[in-house]
Protein backbone atom coordinates (compact mmCIF):
# COMPACT_ATOMS: atom_id res chain seq x y z
CA MET A 1 -117.88 205.05 83.07
CA ALA A 2 -118.56 201.33 82.73
CA LYS A 3 -122.12 200.04 82.94
CA MET A 4 -122.71 196.49 84.16
CA VAL A 5 -124.99 194.66 81.71
CA HIS A 6 -125.00 190.97 82.62
CA SER A 7 -123.58 188.16 84.68
CA MET A 8 -123.04 184.70 83.14
CA ILE A 9 -123.41 181.24 84.62
CA ARG A 10 -123.04 177.85 82.96
CA VAL A 11 -126.03 175.53 83.28
CA LEU A 12 -126.70 171.94 82.23
CA GLU A 13 -130.32 172.11 81.10
CA GLU A 14 -131.76 175.18 79.42
CA ALA A 15 -135.44 174.45 80.09
CA ARG A 16 -134.88 173.60 83.76
CA SER A 17 -132.88 176.78 84.37
CA VAL A 18 -135.19 179.08 82.40
CA ASP A 19 -138.15 177.65 84.35
CA PHE A 20 -136.39 178.25 87.69
CA TYR A 21 -135.45 181.88 86.96
CA GLU A 22 -138.90 182.65 85.61
CA LYS A 23 -140.66 181.15 88.64
CA ALA A 24 -138.28 182.63 91.19
CA PHE A 25 -137.60 186.09 89.76
CA GLY A 26 -139.97 186.66 86.84
CA LEU A 27 -137.09 186.65 84.34
CA LYS A 28 -138.02 185.89 80.76
CA ILE A 29 -135.92 185.12 77.71
CA ALA A 30 -134.87 188.41 76.13
CA SER A 31 -132.64 186.74 73.56
CA ARG A 32 -131.51 183.22 72.69
CA VAL A 33 -128.40 182.95 70.53
CA PRO A 34 -127.30 179.47 69.37
CA PHE A 35 -123.69 178.94 68.30
CA ASP A 36 -121.85 175.83 67.18
CA GLY A 37 -121.28 173.96 70.45
CA PHE A 38 -123.08 176.27 72.87
CA THR A 39 -126.14 178.49 73.31
CA LEU A 40 -126.42 181.83 75.12
CA ILE A 41 -129.75 182.67 76.75
CA TYR A 42 -130.23 186.21 78.10
CA LEU A 43 -132.87 186.57 80.82
CA SER A 44 -134.30 189.89 81.96
CA ASN A 45 -137.33 191.68 83.35
CA PRO A 46 -138.72 195.18 82.76
CA GLU A 47 -137.55 196.45 86.17
CA THR A 48 -133.85 196.58 85.29
CA GLY A 49 -131.55 196.55 82.29
CA PHE A 50 -129.23 194.03 83.94
CA GLU A 51 -129.45 190.53 82.47
CA LEU A 52 -128.52 187.02 83.52
CA GLU A 53 -126.76 185.12 80.75
CA LEU A 54 -127.15 181.35 80.83
CA THR A 55 -124.56 179.43 78.83
CA VAL A 56 -125.47 175.89 77.81
CA ASN A 57 -122.57 173.91 76.39
CA ALA A 58 -123.69 171.19 73.97
CA GLY A 59 -123.00 167.63 75.07
CA ARG A 60 -122.20 168.54 78.68
CA THR A 61 -123.66 165.97 81.09
CA ASP A 62 -121.57 166.43 84.26
CA ALA A 63 -122.42 169.12 86.79
CA TYR A 64 -120.09 172.10 86.82
CA ASP A 65 -117.65 172.48 89.69
CA LEU A 66 -118.68 175.79 91.22
CA GLY A 67 -115.38 175.98 93.07
CA ASN A 68 -114.84 178.27 96.01
CA GLY A 69 -114.66 181.53 94.08
CA TYR A 70 -118.31 181.99 93.11
CA GLY A 71 -120.30 184.02 95.62
CA HIS A 72 -123.83 184.85 94.58
CA LEU A 73 -126.14 187.08 92.60
CA ALA A 74 -128.42 189.39 94.58
CA VAL A 75 -131.90 190.79 93.92
CA THR A 76 -134.13 193.04 96.00
CA VAL A 77 -137.85 192.58 96.63
CA GLU A 78 -140.59 194.75 98.14
CA ASP A 79 -141.90 192.13 100.62
CA ILE A 80 -139.31 189.60 101.78
CA ASP A 81 -141.83 187.66 103.90
CA ALA A 82 -144.23 187.19 100.98
CA GLU A 83 -141.39 186.17 98.65
CA TYR A 84 -140.00 183.71 101.20
CA LYS A 85 -143.44 182.09 101.45
CA ARG A 86 -143.88 182.09 97.66
CA PHE A 87 -140.47 180.47 97.07
CA THR A 88 -141.17 177.89 99.78
CA ASP A 89 -144.64 177.15 98.35
CA LEU A 90 -143.05 176.65 94.91
CA GLY A 91 -140.80 174.00 96.45
CA LEU A 92 -137.61 175.91 95.65
CA THR A 93 -134.47 175.24 97.69
CA VAL A 94 -134.40 178.14 100.15
CA GLY A 95 -132.26 178.85 103.18
CA LYS A 96 -133.51 180.44 106.36
CA LEU A 97 -134.75 184.03 106.46
CA VAL A 98 -132.00 186.04 108.17
CA GLU A 99 -132.01 189.41 109.90
CA MET A 100 -128.55 190.96 109.92
CA PRO A 101 -127.96 194.00 112.13
CA HIS A 102 -124.90 196.24 111.97
CA GLU A 103 -123.86 198.35 114.94
CA GLY A 104 -127.21 197.67 116.62
CA LYS A 105 -129.30 198.82 113.67
CA PRO A 106 -131.08 196.82 110.95
CA PHE A 107 -128.83 196.31 107.94
CA ALA A 108 -130.47 193.57 105.86
CA ARG A 109 -133.18 190.91 105.84
CA PHE A 110 -132.53 188.19 103.31
CA PHE A 111 -132.53 184.55 102.33
CA PHE A 112 -130.68 182.53 99.71
CA VAL A 113 -132.29 180.36 97.04
CA THR A 114 -130.32 177.72 95.14
CA ASP A 115 -130.99 177.03 91.46
CA PRO A 116 -130.94 173.55 89.88
CA ASP A 117 -127.20 173.84 89.11
CA GLY A 118 -126.23 174.91 92.65
CA TYR A 119 -125.88 178.66 92.08
CA LYS A 120 -127.10 180.80 94.93
CA THR A 121 -129.07 184.02 94.66
CA GLU A 122 -129.54 186.31 97.65
CA VAL A 123 -133.05 187.74 97.96
CA ILE A 124 -132.95 190.96 100.01
CA GLN A 125 -135.69 193.16 101.46
CA ARG A 126 -135.62 196.40 99.49
CA GLY A 127 -134.57 199.40 101.59
CA GLY A 128 -131.55 201.28 102.85
CA ARG A 129 -128.57 200.61 100.58
CA PHE A 130 -130.44 197.75 98.91
CA GLN A 131 -132.78 199.49 96.47
C-alpha cells in the first residue's frame, strides 16, 4: 500500500516561506537539499511523518501562476478558536471562521490561511473524520 510522504509547492523566497510555515504550523526544516538551479526544503513537525516540500528555483523573480487546479493543504488543530486568534494576531492572511453542517449535524469548523505565495491551507477543528 502506498504511503503519502510529502506535498510540494514552488515558492519565491525560502526565508519568507520557512518563516510563514514555522509561525503558522510549527513546521521546521527537516532537510535542505541544494541542487544546481534549485533547492528543496522539507518541513515537518513531530506530530506527523508527512512533510511539506518547498521548491525554490534559482533566479525566479515572477510569482507562480497557481492556476485553477490547485486546491489546498489541510491541517487539524485542537482549538480552532485559539488558532484563529493566534493567526490573526500574527497578522497572517486568514479567511473567516466557517461552520459547515451536513444533514443538520456539525461536519467541520475551519478557516483558510494564505501563505506569501498565495497557497491556501485549510485549518480544521480536530474531531469526527478530521483527526
